[in-house]
Amino acid sequence: MKVAAITSDGDWTFGSGKSNYKSGSKSIRQNIITRLRSFKNDWFLNIEAGINWLSILSRPNNQRLIEEAVASTVLGTEGVRSIESIELIKTANREVSINIFYTDVFDNQLLINESIQA
């Protein structure tokens, strides 16, 4: 699998030919991050894609809902074999910090630390 590389802000990179693409474990990692950052109803070609962050993060006692949404999204990403652990840290400002330790199809175990704010 090969994907266009993005910056830490989520913008595409250009101007470096083949080095603007990721493959293997790097492409899987980028796909996970992109899918976690996606908000439901935000992409006009598929309004069902993404996580309903606005609804989930505005509810009290939402830890289980967040864990289920994150696990489903990560496990539904092509190339992910298993999730070893998920740690969530919520703030009062509708923000969550997600730490995911997962194994990909190349038997690499990787950590993603991503913050989502709705």
PDB file of N, CA and C in Angstrom:
ATOM      1  N   MET A   1       0.848  -1.164   0.000  1.00  0.00           N
ATOM      2  CA  MET A   1       0.000   0.000   0.000  1.00  0.00           C
ATOM      3  C   MET A   1       0.898   1.233   0.000  1.00  0.00           C
ATOM      4  N   LYS A   2       0.514   2.214  -0.795  1.00  0.00           N
ATOM      5  CA  LYS A   2       1.241   3.465  -0.885  1.00  0.00           C
ATOM      6  C   LYS A   2       0.253   4.612  -0.737  1.00  0.00           C
ATOM      7  N   VAL A   3       0.607   5.611   0.072  1.00  0.00           N
ATOM      8  CA  VAL A   3      -0.258   6.777   0.270  1.00  0.00           C
ATOM      9  C   VAL A   3       0.567   8.047   0.130  1.00  0.00           C
ATOM     10  N   ALA A   4      -0.104   9.126  -0.251  1.00  0.00           N
ATOM     11  CA  ALA A   4       0.555  10.426  -0.319  1.00  0.00           C
ATOM     12  C   ALA A   4       0.886  10.882   1.098  1.00  0.00           C
ATOM     13  N   ALA A   5       2.103  11.360   1.292  1.00  0.00           N
ATOM     14  CA  ALA A   5       2.544  11.802   2.616  1.00  0.00           C
ATOM     15  C   ALA A   5       1.842  13.096   3.008  1.00  0.00           C
ATOM     16  N   ILE A   6       1.593  13.232   4.300  1.00  0.00           N
ATOM     17  CA  ILE A   6       1.015  14.463   4.829  1.00  0.00           C
ATOM     18  C   ILE A   6       1.921  15.004   5.926  1.00  0.00           C
ATOM     19  N   THR A   7       1.770  16.290   6.195  1.00  0.00           N
ATOM     20  CA  THR A   7       2.519  16.925   7.271  1.00  0.00           C
ATOM     21  C   THR A   7       1.848  16.612   8.606  1.00  0.00           C
ATOM     22  N   SER A   8       2.454  17.054   9.698  1.00  0.00           N
ATOM     23  CA  SER A   8       1.851  16.829  11.018  1.00  0.00           C
ATOM     24  C   SER A   8       0.528  17.579  11.163  1.00  0.00           C
ATOM     25  N   ASP A   9       0.304  18.599  10.335  1.00  0.00           N
ATOM     26  CA  ASP A   9      -0.956  19.345  10.345  1.00  0.00           C
ATOM     27  C   ASP A   9      -2.011  18.735   9.431  1.00  0.00           C
ATOM     28  N   GLY A  10      -1.655  17.702   8.680  1.00  0.00           N
ATOM     29  CA  GLY A  10      -2.612  17.037   7.811  1.00  0.00           C
ATOM     30  C   GLY A  10      -2.631  17.536   6.378  1.00  0.00           C
ATOM     31  N   ASP A  11      -1.685  18.388   6.007  1.00  0.00           N
ATOM     32  CA  ASP A  11      -1.607  18.884   4.637  1.00  0.00           C
ATOM     33  C   ASP A  11      -0.745  17.955   3.787  1.00  0.00           C
ATOM     34  N   TRP A  12      -1.102  17.832   2.498  1.00  0.00           N
ATOM     35  CA  TRP A  12      -0.290  17.022   1.586  1.00  0.00           C
ATOM     36  C   TRP A  12       1.069  17.671   1.375  1.00  0.00           C
ATOM     37  N   THR A  13       2.055  16.821   1.134  1.00  0.00           N
ATOM     38  CA  THR A  13       3.382  17.320   0.801  1.00  0.00           C
ATOM     39  C   THR A  13       3.577  17.217  -0.711  1.00  0.00           C
ATOM     40  N   PHE A  14       4.316  18.156  -1.280  1.00  0.00           N
ATOM     41  CA  PHE A  14       4.552  18.179  -2.718  1.00  0.00           C
ATOM     42  C   PHE A  14       6.007  18.531  -2.997  1.00  0.00           C
ATOM     43  N   GLY A  15       6.441  18.239  -4.212  1.00  0.00           N
ATOM     44  CA  GLY A  15       7.717  18.730  -4.697  1.00  0.00           C
ATOM     45  C   GLY A  15       8.915  17.841  -4.508  1.00  0.00           C
ATOM     46  N   SER A  16       8.731  16.657  -3.950  1.00  0.00           N
ATOM     47  CA  SER A  16       9.878  15.777  -3.716  1.00  0.00           C
ATOM     48  C   SER A  16       9.717  14.422  -4.386  1.00  0.00           C
ATOM     49  N   GLY A  17       8.884  14.335  -5.405  1.00  0.00           N
ATOM     50  CA  GLY A  17       8.720  13.095  -6.161  1.00  0.00           C
ATOM     51  C   GLY A  17       8.272  11.931  -5.307  1.00  0.00           C
ATOM     52  N   LYS A  18       8.994  10.813  -5.420  1.00  0.00           N
ATOM     53  CA  LYS A  18       8.624   9.588  -4.709  1.00  0.00           C
ATOM     54  C   LYS A  18       8.721   9.716  -3.192  1.00  0.00           C
ATOM     55  N   SER A  19       9.521  10.666  -2.721  1.00  0.00           N
ATOM     56  CA  SER A  19       9.630  10.813  -1.267  1.00  0.00           C
ATOM     57  C   SER A  19       8.382  11.475  -0.669  1.00  0.00           C
ATOM     58  N   ASN A  20       7.446  11.896  -1.521  1.00  0.00           N
ATOM     59  CA  ASN A  20       6.173  12.428  -1.044  1.00  0.00           C
ATOM     60  C   ASN A  20       5.154  11.316  -0.813  1.00  0.00           C
ATOM     61  N   TYR A  21       5.598  10.062  -0.838  1.00  0.00           N
ATOM     62  CA  TYR A  21       4.707   8.928  -0.622  1.00  0.00           C
ATOM     63  C   TYR A  21       5.257   8.064   0.499  1.00  0.00           C
ATOM     64  N   LYS A  22       4.332   7.405   1.192  1.00  0.00           N
ATOM     65  CA  LYS A  22       4.708   6.472   2.255  1.00  0.00           C
ATOM     66  C   LYS A  22       4.200   5.094   1.893  1.00  0.00           C
ATOM     67  N   SER A  23       4.925   4.089   2.347  1.00  0.00           N
ATOM     68  CA  SER A  23       4.490   2.710   2.116  1.00  0.00           C
ATOM     69  C   SER A  23       4.777   1.893   3.372  1.00  0.00           C
ATOM     70  N   GLY A  24       4.320   0.652   3.381  1.00  0.00           N
ATOM     71  CA  GLY A  24       4.553  -0.240   4.511  1.00  0.00           C
ATOM     72  C   GLY A  24       3.938   0.267   5.800  1.00  0.00           C
ATOM     73  N   SER A  25       4.658   0.093   6.894  1.00  0.00           N
ATOM     74  CA  SER A  25       4.155   0.483   8.210  1.00  0.00           C
ATOM     75  C   SER A  25       3.875   1.974   8.313  1.00  0.00           C
ATOM     76  N   LYS A  26       4.651   2.787   7.601  1.00  0.00           N
ATOM     77  CA  LYS A  26       4.426   4.240   7.635  1.00  0.00           C
ATOM     78  C   LYS A  26       3.091   4.614   7.007  1.00  0.00           C
ATOM     79  N   SER A  27       2.694   3.919   5.943  1.00  0.00           N
ATOM     80  CA  SER A  27       1.406   4.232   5.312  1.00  0.00           C
ATOM     81  C   SER A  27       0.248   3.791   6.198  1.00  0.00           C
ATOM     82  N   ILE A  28       0.391   2.662   6.872  1.00  0.00           N
ATOM     83  CA  ILE A  28      -0.651   2.192   7.793  1.00  0.00           C
ATOM     84  C   ILE A  28      -0.816   3.185   8.938  1.00  0.00           C
ATOM     85  N   ARG A  29       0.295   3.626   9.501  1.00  0.00           N
ATOM     86  CA  ARG A  29       0.261   4.595  10.597  1.00  0.00           C
ATOM     87  C   ARG A  29      -0.437   5.878  10.154  1.00  0.00           C
ATOM     88  N   GLN A  30      -0.076   6.382   8.978  1.00  0.00           N
ATOM     89  CA  GLN A  30      -0.704   7.603   8.488  1.00  0.00           C
ATOM     90  C   GLN A  30      -2.196   7.413   8.259  1.00  0.00           C
ATOM     91  N   ASN A  31      -2.598   6.252   7.738  1.00  0.00           N
ATOM     92  CA  ASN A  31      -4.027   5.993   7.528  1.00  0.00           C
ATOM     93  C   ASN A  31      -4.792   5.970   8.849  1.00  0.00           C
ATOM     94  N   ILE A  32      -4.195   5.400   9.881  1.00  0.00           N
ATOM     95  CA  ILE A  32      -4.844   5.381  11.199  1.00  0.00           C
ATOM     96  C   ILE A  32      -5.048   6.809  11.692  1.00  0.00           C
ATOM     97  N   ILE A  33      -3.997   7.610  11.638  1.00  0.00           N
ATOM     98  CA  ILE A  33      -4.087   8.993  12.114  1.00  0.00           C
ATOM     99  C   ILE A  33      -5.134   9.773  11.322  1.00  0.00           C
ATOM    100  N   THR A  34      -5.132   9.618  10.012  1.00  0.00           N
ATOM    101  CA  THR A  34      -6.099  10.320   9.169  1.00  0.00           C
ATOM    102  C   THR A  34      -7.522   9.902   9.516  1.00  0.00           C
ATOM    103  N   ARG A  35      -7.739   8.615   9.726  1.00  0.00           N
ATOM    104  CA  ARG A  35      -9.079   8.134  10.052  1.00  0.00           C
ATOM    105  C   ARG A  35      -9.523   8.612  11.437  1.00  0.00           C
ATOM    106  N   LEU A  36      -8.596   8.683  12.402  1.00  0.00           N
ATOM    107  CA  LEU A  36      -8.952   9.183  13.730  1.00  0.00           C
ATOM    108  C   LEU A  36      -9.285  10.668  13.696  1.00  0.00           C
ATOM    109  N   ARG A  37      -8.640  11.418  12.832  1.00  0.00           N
ATOM    110  CA  ARG A  37      -8.893  12.856  12.708  1.00  0.00           C
ATOM    111  C   ARG A  37     -10.179  13.168  11.936  1.00  0.00           C
ATOM    112  N   SER A  38     -10.746  12.186  11.278  1.00  0.00           N
ATOM    113  CA  SER A  38     -11.921  12.419  10.431  1.00  0.00           C
ATOM    114  C   SER A  38     -13.192  12.517  11.268  1.00  0.00           C
ATOM    115  N   PHE A  39     -13.955  13.545  11.003  1.00  0.00           N
ATOM    116  CA  PHE A  39     -15.235  13.766  11.680  1.00  0.00           C
ATOM    117  C   PHE A  39     -16.364  13.256  10.797  1.00  0.00           C
ATOM    118  N   LYS A  40     -17.306  12.544  11.386  1.00  0.00           N
ATOM    119  CA  LYS A  40     -18.489  12.075  10.662  1.00  0.00           C
ATOM    120  C   LYS A  40     -19.234  13.265  10.066  1.00  0.00           C
ATOM    121  N   ASN A  41     -19.796  13.092   8.886  1.00  0.00           N
ATOM    122  CA  ASN A  41     -20.537  14.117   8.132  1.00  0.00           C
ATOM    123  C   ASN A  41     -19.642  15.228   7.589  1.00  0.00           C
ATOM    124  N   ASP A  42     -18.328  15.041   7.592  1.00  0.00           N
ATOM    125  CA  ASP A  42     -17.423  16.096   7.161  1.00  0.00           C
ATOM    126  C   ASP A  42     -16.928  15.922   5.724  1.00  0.00           C
ATOM    127  N   TRP A  43     -16.949  14.697   5.205  1.00  0.00           N
ATOM    128  CA  TRP A  43     -16.450  14.451   3.858  1.00  0.00           C
ATOM    129  C   TRP A  43     -17.640  14.228   2.933  1.00  0.00           C
ATOM    130  N   PHE A  44     -17.833  15.109   1.985  1.00  0.00           N
ATOM    131  CA  PHE A  44     -19.032  15.083   1.151  1.00  0.00           C
ATOM    132  C   PHE A  44     -19.169  13.817   0.304  1.00  0.00           C
ATOM    133  N   LEU A  45     -18.076  13.130   0.016  1.00  0.00           N
ATOM    134  CA  LEU A  45     -18.169  11.901  -0.776  1.00  0.00           C
ATOM    135  C   LEU A  45     -18.642  10.704   0.047  1.00  0.00           C
ATOM    136  N   ASN A  46     -18.495  10.789   1.368  1.00  0.00           N
ATOM    137  CA  ASN A  46     -18.954   9.720   2.251  1.00  0.00           C
ATOM    138  C   ASN A  46     -19.224  10.317   3.629  1.00  0.00           C
ATOM    139  N   ILE A  47     -20.450  10.761   3.848  1.00  0.00           N
ATOM    140  CA  ILE A  47     -20.767  11.421   5.113  1.00  0.00           C
ATOM    141  C   ILE A  47     -20.770  10.462   6.301  1.00  0.00           C
ATOM    142  N   GLU A  48     -20.744   9.153   6.050  1.00  0.00           N
ATOM    143  CA  GLU A  48     -20.691   8.171   7.131  1.00  0.00           C
ATOM    144  C   GLU A  48     -19.261   7.877   7.573  1.00  0.00           C
ATOM    145  N   ALA A  49     -18.269   8.332   6.814  1.00  0.00           N
ATOM    146  CA  ALA A  49     -16.866   8.093   7.177  1.00  0.00           C
ATOM    147  C   ALA A  49     -16.509   8.947   8.391  1.00  0.00           C
ATOM    148  N   GLY A  50     -15.611   8.450   9.201  1.00  0.00           N
ATOM    149  CA  GLY A  50     -15.136   9.210  10.353  1.00  0.00           C
ATOM    150  C   GLY A  50     -15.853   8.851  11.640  1.00  0.00           C
ATOM    151  N   ILE A  51     -15.460   9.520  12.685  1.00  0.00           N
ATOM    152  CA  ILE A  51     -16.014   9.306  14.022  1.00  0.00           C
ATOM    153  C   ILE A  51     -16.907  10.499  14.366  1.00  0.00           C
ATOM    154  N   ASN A  52     -17.986  10.241  15.057  1.00  0.00           N
ATOM    155  CA  ASN A  52     -18.908  11.307  15.447  1.00  0.00           C
ATOM    156  C   ASN A  52     -18.368  12.018  16.690  1.00  0.00           C
ATOM    157  N   TRP A  53     -17.203  12.676  16.523  1.00  0.00           N
ATOM    158  CA  TRP A  53     -16.521  13.316  17.643  1.00  0.00           C
ATOM    159  C   TRP A  53     -17.376  14.379  18.318  1.00  0.00           C
ATOM    160  N   LEU A  54     -18.103  15.167  17.550  1.00  0.00           N
ATOM    161  CA  LEU A  54     -18.904  16.237  18.150  1.00  0.00           C
ATOM    162  C   LEU A  54     -19.912  15.692  19.146  1.00  0.00           C
ATOM    163  N   SER A  55     -20.554  14.609  18.794  1.00  0.00           N
ATOM    164  CA  SER A  55     -21.540  14.005  19.681  1.00  0.00           C
ATOM    165  C   SER A  55     -20.876  13.292  20.858  1.00  0.00           C
ATOM    166  N   ILE A  56     -19.854  12.520  20.564  1.00  0.00           N
ATOM    167  CA  ILE A  56     -19.216  11.714  21.613  1.00  0.00           C
ATOM    168  C   ILE A  56     -18.538  12.590  22.661  1.00  0.00           C
ATOM    169  N   LEU A  57     -17.791  13.597  22.231  1.00  0.00           N
ATOM    170  CA  LEU A  57     -17.039  14.403  23.192  1.00  0.00           C
ATOM    171  C   LEU A  57     -17.909  15.378  23.974  1.00  0.00           C
ATOM    172  N   SER A  58     -19.141  15.589  23.529  1.00  0.00           N
ATOM    173  CA  SER A  58     -20.026  16.488  24.274  1.00  0.00           C
ATOM    174  C   SER A  58     -20.837  15.757  25.337  1.00  0.00           C
ATOM    175  N   ARG A  59     -20.782  14.441  25.365  1.00  0.00           N
ATOM    176  CA  ARG A  59     -21.538  13.655  26.349  1.00  0.00           C
ATOM    177  C   ARG A  59     -20.723  13.441  27.619  1.00  0.00           C
ATOM    178  N   PRO A  60     -21.408  13.435  28.766  1.00  0.00           N
ATOM    179  CA  PRO A  60     -20.715  13.049  29.998  1.00  0.00           C
ATOM    180  C   PRO A  60     -20.551  11.524  30.037  1.00  0.00           C
ATOM    181  N   ASN A  61     -19.623  11.066  30.820  1.00  0.00           N
ATOM    182  CA  ASN A  61     -19.389   9.619  30.974  1.00  0.00           C
ATOM    183  C   ASN A  61     -19.235   8.930  29.618  1.00  0.00           C
ATOM    184  N   ASN A  62     -18.348   9.450  28.799  1.00  0.00           N
ATOM    185  CA  ASN A  62     -18.215   8.971  27.431  1.00  0.00           C
ATOM    186  C   ASN A  62     -16.980   8.108  27.181  1.00  0.00           C
ATOM    187  N   GLN A  63     -16.296   7.709  28.198  1.00  0.00           N
ATOM    188  CA  GLN A  63     -15.054   6.933  28.056  1.00  0.00           C
ATOM    189  C   GLN A  63     -15.254   5.677  27.208  1.00  0.00           C
ATOM    190  N   ARG A  64     -16.298   4.916  27.502  1.00  0.00           N
ATOM    191  CA  ARG A  64     -16.558   3.680  26.767  1.00  0.00           C
ATOM    192  C   ARG A  64     -16.860   3.958  25.302  1.00  0.00           C
ATOM    193  N   LEU A  65     -17.644   5.001  25.024  1.00  0.00           N
ATOM    194  CA  LEU A  65     -17.974   5.356  23.639  1.00  0.00           C
ATOM    195  C   LEU A  65     -16.729   5.733  22.845  1.00  0.00           C
ATOM    196  N   ILE A  66     -15.844   6.498  23.477  1.00  0.00           N
ATOM    197  CA  ILE A  66     -14.609   6.898  22.800  1.00  0.00           C
ATOM    198  C   ILE A  66     -13.753   5.671  22.520  1.00  0.00           C
ATOM    199  N   GLU A  67     -13.584   4.804  23.516  1.00  0.00           N
ATOM    200  CA  GLU A  67     -12.769   3.595  23.335  1.00  0.00           C
ATOM    201  C   GLU A  67     -13.311   2.720  22.212  1.00  0.00           C
ATOM    202  N   GLU A  68     -14.633   2.543  22.167  1.00  0.00           N
ATOM    203  CA  GLU A  68     -15.241   1.722  21.117  1.00  0.00           C
ATOM    204  C   GLU A  68     -15.031   2.340  19.737  1.00  0.00           C
ATOM    205  N   ALA A  69     -15.212   3.650  19.619  1.00  0.00           N
ATOM    206  CA  ALA A  69     -15.046   4.328  18.331  1.00  0.00           C
ATOM    207  C   ALA A  69     -13.595   4.264  17.856  1.00  0.00           C
ATOM    208  N   VAL A  70     -12.671   4.482  18.778  1.00  0.00           N
ATOM    209  CA  VAL A  70     -11.248   4.450  18.426  1.00  0.00           C
ATOM    210  C   VAL A  70     -10.831   3.029  18.036  1.00  0.00           C
ATOM    211  N   ALA A  71     -11.214   2.044  18.830  1.00  0.00           N
ATOM    212  CA  ALA A  71     -10.854   0.655  18.532  1.00  0.00           C
ATOM    213  C   ALA A  71     -11.430   0.206  17.193  1.00  0.00           C
ATOM    214  N   SER A  72     -12.680   0.534  16.955  1.00  0.00           N
ATOM    215  CA  SER A  72     -13.321   0.160  15.692  1.00  0.00           C
ATOM    216  C   SER A  72     -12.623   0.807  14.500  1.00  0.00           C
ATOM    217  N   THR A  73     -12.269   2.065  14.643  1.00  0.00           N
ATOM    218  CA  THR A  73     -11.591   2.786  13.565  1.00  0.00           C
ATOM    219  C   THR A  73     -10.210   2.211  13.290  1.00  0.00           C
ATOM    220  N   VAL A  74      -9.448   1.953  14.343  1.00  0.00           N
ATOM    221  CA  VAL A  74      -8.092   1.426  14.172  1.00  0.00           C
ATOM    222  C   VAL A  74      -8.137   0.014  13.587  1.00  0.00           C
ATOM    223  N   LEU A  75      -8.978  -0.850  14.157  1.00  0.00           N
ATOM    224  CA  LEU A  75      -9.057  -2.222  13.654  1.00  0.00           C
ATOM    225  C   LEU A  75      -9.639  -2.285  12.244  1.00  0.00           C
ATOM    226  N   GLY A  76     -10.410  -1.291  11.848  1.00  0.00           N
ATOM    227  CA  GLY A  76     -10.968  -1.234  10.503  1.00  0.00           C
ATOM    228  C   GLY A  76     -10.025  -0.659   9.473  1.00  0.00           C
ATOM    229  N   THR A  77      -8.839  -0.272   9.897  1.00  0.00           N
ATOM    230  CA  THR A  77      -7.839   0.283   8.987  1.00  0.00           C
ATOM    231  C   THR A  77      -7.051  -0.857   8.357  1.00  0.00           C
ATOM    232  N   GLU A  78      -6.973  -0.837   7.041  1.00  0.00           N
ATOM    233  CA  GLU A  78      -6.248  -1.882   6.312  1.00  0.00           C
ATOM    234  C   GLU A  78      -4.807  -1.949   6.803  1.00  0.00           C
ATOM    235  N   GLY A  79      -4.360  -3.149   7.128  1.00  0.00           N
ATOM    236  CA  GLY A  79      -2.987  -3.358   7.562  1.00  0.00           C
ATOM    237  C   GLY A  79      -2.804  -3.469   9.061  1.00  0.00           C
ATOM    238  N   VAL A  80      -3.848  -3.214   9.852  1.00  0.00           N
ATOM    239  CA  VAL A  80      -3.754  -3.337  11.308  1.00  0.00           C
ATOM    240  C   VAL A  80      -4.124  -4.752  11.697  1.00  0.00           C
ATOM    241  N   ARG A  81      -3.244  -5.418  12.415  1.00  0.00           N
ATOM    242  CA  ARG A  81      -3.495  -6.783  12.858  1.00  0.00           C
ATOM    243  C   ARG A  81      -4.188  -6.814  14.215  1.00  0.00           C
ATOM    244  N   SER A  82      -3.699  -6.000  15.169  1.00  0.00           N
ATOM    245  CA  SER A  82      -4.298  -6.017  16.505  1.00  0.00           C
ATOM    246  C   SER A  82      -3.953  -4.735  17.252  1.00  0.00           C
ATOM    247  N   ILE A  83      -4.752  -4.477  18.281  1.00  0.00           N
ATOM    248  CA  ILE A  83      -4.485  -3.368  19.196  1.00  0.00           C
ATOM    249  C   ILE A  83      -3.981  -3.979  20.493  1.00  0.00           C
ATOM    250  N   GLU A  84      -2.832  -3.511  20.942  1.00  0.00           N
ATOM    251  CA  GLU A  84      -2.260  -4.018  22.188  1.00  0.00           C
ATOM    252  C   GLU A  84      -2.803  -3.228  23.378  1.00  0.00           C
ATOM    253  N   SER A  85      -2.944  -1.904  23.211  1.00  0.00           N
ATOM    254  CA  SER A  85      -3.507  -1.093  24.293  1.00  0.00           C
ATOM    255  C   SER A  85      -4.007   0.241  23.748  1.00  0.00           C
ATOM    256  N   ILE A  86      -5.009   0.769  24.443  1.00  0.00           N
ATOM    257  CA  ILE A  86      -5.541   2.102  24.162  1.00  0.00           C
ATOM    258  C   ILE A  86      -5.611   2.842  25.486  1.00  0.00           C
ATOM    259  N   GLU A  87      -5.068   4.054  25.500  1.00  0.00           N
ATOM    260  CA  GLU A  87      -5.157   4.910  26.680  1.00  0.00           C
ATOM    261  C   GLU A  87      -5.760   6.243  26.244  1.00  0.00           C
ATOM    262  N   LEU A  88      -6.783   6.677  26.963  1.00  0.00           N
ATOM    263  CA  LEU A  88      -7.463   7.933  26.649  1.00  0.00           C
ATOM    264  C   LEU A  88      -7.328   8.889  27.821  1.00  0.00           C
ATOM    265  N   ILE A  89      -7.018  10.149  27.510  1.00  0.00           N
ATOM    266  CA  ILE A  89      -6.972  11.186  28.525  1.00  0.00           C
ATOM    267  C   ILE A  89      -7.898  12.299  28.057  1.00  0.00           C
ATOM    268  N   LYS A  90      -9.004  12.490  28.786  1.00  0.00           N
ATOM    269  CA  LYS A  90      -9.997  13.502  28.415  1.00  0.00           C
ATOM    270  C   LYS A  90      -9.753  14.784  29.181  1.00  0.00           C
ATOM    271  N   THR A  91     -10.116  15.909  28.537  1.00  0.00           N
ATOM    272  CA  THR A  91     -10.094  17.195  29.221  1.00  0.00           C
ATOM    273  C   THR A  91     -11.513  17.738  29.252  1.00  0.00           C
ATOM    274  N   ALA A  92     -11.707  18.804  29.956  1.00  0.00           N
ATOM    275  CA  ALA A  92     -13.040  19.407  30.065  1.00  0.00           C
ATOM    276  C   ALA A  92     -13.414  20.184  28.804  1.00  0.00           C
ATOM    277  N   ASN A  93     -12.485  20.411  27.915  1.00  0.00           N
ATOM    278  CA  ASN A  93     -12.719  21.241  26.729  1.00  0.00           C
ATOM    279  C   ASN A  93     -13.049  20.423  25.485  1.00  0.00           C
ATOM    280  N   ARG A  94     -13.755  19.331  25.629  1.00  0.00           N
ATOM    281  CA  ARG A  94     -14.117  18.446  24.507  1.00  0.00           C
ATOM    282  C   ARG A  94     -12.882  18.057  23.695  1.00  0.00           C
ATOM    283  N   GLU A  95     -11.876  17.625  24.413  1.00  0.00           N
ATOM    284  CA  GLU A  95     -10.641  17.181  23.791  1.00  0.00           C
ATOM    285  C   GLU A  95     -10.239  15.851  24.407  1.00  0.00           C
ATOM    286  N   VAL A  96      -9.635  15.005  23.588  1.00  0.00           N
ATOM    287  CA  VAL A  96      -9.146  13.723  24.084  1.00  0.00           C
ATOM    288  C   VAL A  96      -7.763  13.463  23.490  1.00  0.00           C
ATOM    289  N   SER A  97      -6.880  12.991  24.333  1.00  0.00           N
ATOM    290  CA  SER A  97      -5.558  12.560  23.894  1.00  0.00           C
ATOM    291  C   SER A  97      -5.594  11.032  23.832  1.00  0.00           C
ATOM    292  N   ILE A  98      -5.198  10.481  22.697  1.00  0.00           N
ATOM    293  CA  ILE A  98      -5.298   9.039  22.460  1.00  0.00           C
ATOM    294  C   ILE A  98      -3.900   8.462  22.286  1.00  0.00           C
ATOM    295  N   ASN A  99      -3.591   7.438  23.066  1.00  0.00           N
ATOM    296  CA  ASN A  99      -2.359   6.677  22.896  1.00  0.00           C
ATOM    297  C   ASN A  99      -2.760   5.265  22.490  1.00  0.00           C
ATOM    298  N   ILE A 100      -2.326   4.844  21.314  1.00  0.00           N
ATOM    299  CA  ILE A 100      -2.663   3.520  20.803  1.00  0.00           C
ATOM    300  C   ILE A 100      -1.374   2.771  20.505  1.00  0.00           C
ATOM    301  N   PHE A 101      -1.260   1.599  21.058  1.00  0.00           N
ATOM    302  CA  PHE A 101      -0.145   0.710  20.757  1.00  0.00           C
ATOM    303  C   PHE A 101      -0.734  -0.444  19.961  1.00  0.00           C
ATOM    304  N   TYR A 102      -0.286  -0.617  18.719  1.00  0.00           N
ATOM    305  CA  TYR A 102      -0.887  -1.605  17.823  1.00  0.00           C
ATOM    306  C   TYR A 102       0.184  -2.400  17.076  1.00  0.00           C
ATOM    307  N   THR A 103      -0.234  -3.518  16.481  1.00  0.00           N
ATOM    308  CA  THR A 103       0.633  -4.344  15.650  1.00  0.00           C
ATOM    309  C   THR A 103       0.087  -4.339  14.240  1.00  0.00           C
ATOM    310  N   ASP A 104       0.983  -4.130  13.269  1.00  0.00           N
ATOM    311  CA  ASP A 104       0.532  -4.135  11.883  1.00  0.00           C
ATOM    312  C   ASP A 104       0.852  -5.466  11.201  1.00  0.00           C
ATOM    313  N   VAL A 105       0.474  -5.591   9.940  1.00  0.00           N
ATOM    314  CA  VAL A 105       0.656  -6.849   9.211  1.00  0.00           C
ATOM    315  C   VAL A 105       2.126  -7.163   8.932  1.00  0.00           C
ATOM    316  N   PHE A 106       3.011  -6.206   9.164  1.00  0.00           N
ATOM    317  CA  PHE A 106       4.449  -6.431   9.007  1.00  0.00           C
ATOM    318  C   PHE A 106       5.089  -6.833  10.334  1.00  0.00           C
ATOM    319  N   ASP A 107       4.262  -7.135  11.342  1.00  0.00           N
ATOM    320  CA  ASP A 107       4.676  -7.506  12.695  1.00  0.00           C
ATOM    321  C   ASP A 107       5.441  -6.397  13.410  1.00  0.00           C
ATOM    322  N   ASN A 108       5.220  -5.158  13.005  1.00  0.00           N
ATOM    323  CA  ASN A 108       5.786  -4.016  13.709  1.00  0.00           C
ATOM    324  C   ASN A 108       4.788  -3.546  14.750  1.00  0.00           C
ATOM    325  N   GLN A 109       5.296  -3.294  15.950  1.00  0.00           N
ATOM    326  CA  GLN A 109       4.458  -2.748  17.008  1.00  0.00           C
ATOM    327  C   GLN A 109       4.777  -1.274  17.122  1.00  0.00           C
ATOM    328  N   LEU A 110       3.742  -0.441  16.962  1.00  0.00           N
ATOM    329  CA  LEU A 110       3.933   1.004  16.890  1.00  0.00           C
ATOM    330  C   LEU A 110       2.990   1.719  17.845  1.00  0.00           C
ATOM    331  N   LEU A 111       3.401   2.928  18.235  1.00  0.00           N
ATOM    332  CA  LEU A 111       2.607   3.762  19.119  1.00  0.00           C
ATOM    333  C   LEU A 111       2.177   5.011  18.376  1.00  0.00           C
ATOM    334  N   ILE A 112       0.920   5.361  18.532  1.00  0.00           N
ATOM    335  CA  ILE A 112       0.392   6.622  17.998  1.00  0.00           C
ATOM    336  C   ILE A 112      -0.116   7.425  19.177  1.00  0.00           C
ATOM    337  N   ASN A 113       0.252   8.686  19.204  1.00  0.00           N
ATOM    338  CA  ASN A 113      -0.251   9.625  20.201  1.00  0.00           C
ATOM    339  C   ASN A 113      -0.905  10.755  19.417  1.00  0.00           C
ATOM    340  N   GLU A 114      -2.210  10.879  19.533  1.00  0.00           N
ATOM    341  CA  GLU A 114      -2.976  11.852  18.744  1.00  0.00           C
ATOM    342  C   GLU A 114      -3.973  12.563  19.643  1.00  0.00           C
ATOM    343  N   SER A 115      -4.125  13.861  19.473  1.00  0.00           N
ATOM    344  CA  SER A 115      -5.129  14.634  20.204  1.00  0.00           C
ATOM    345  C   SER A 115      -6.229  15.061  19.252  1.00  0.00           C
ATOM    346  N   ILE A 116      -7.464  14.919  19.715  1.00  0.00           N
ATOM    347  CA  ILE A 116      -8.648  15.306  18.941  1.00  0.00           C
ATOM    348  C   ILE A 116      -9.418  16.320  19.756  1.00  0.00           C
ATOM    349  N   GLN A 117      -9.810  17.414  19.118  1.00  0.00           N
ATOM    350  CA  GLN A 117     -10.627  18.418  19.787  1.00  0.00           C
ATOM    351  C   GLN A 117     -11.852  18.700  18.924  1.00  0.00           C
ATOM    352  N   ALA A 118     -13.030  18.646  19.549  1.00  0.00           N
ATOM    353  CA  ALA A 118     -14.264  18.887  18.824  1.00  0.00           C
ATOM    354  C   ALA A 118     -14.811  20.262  19.136  1.00  0.00           C
TER     355      ALA A 118
END
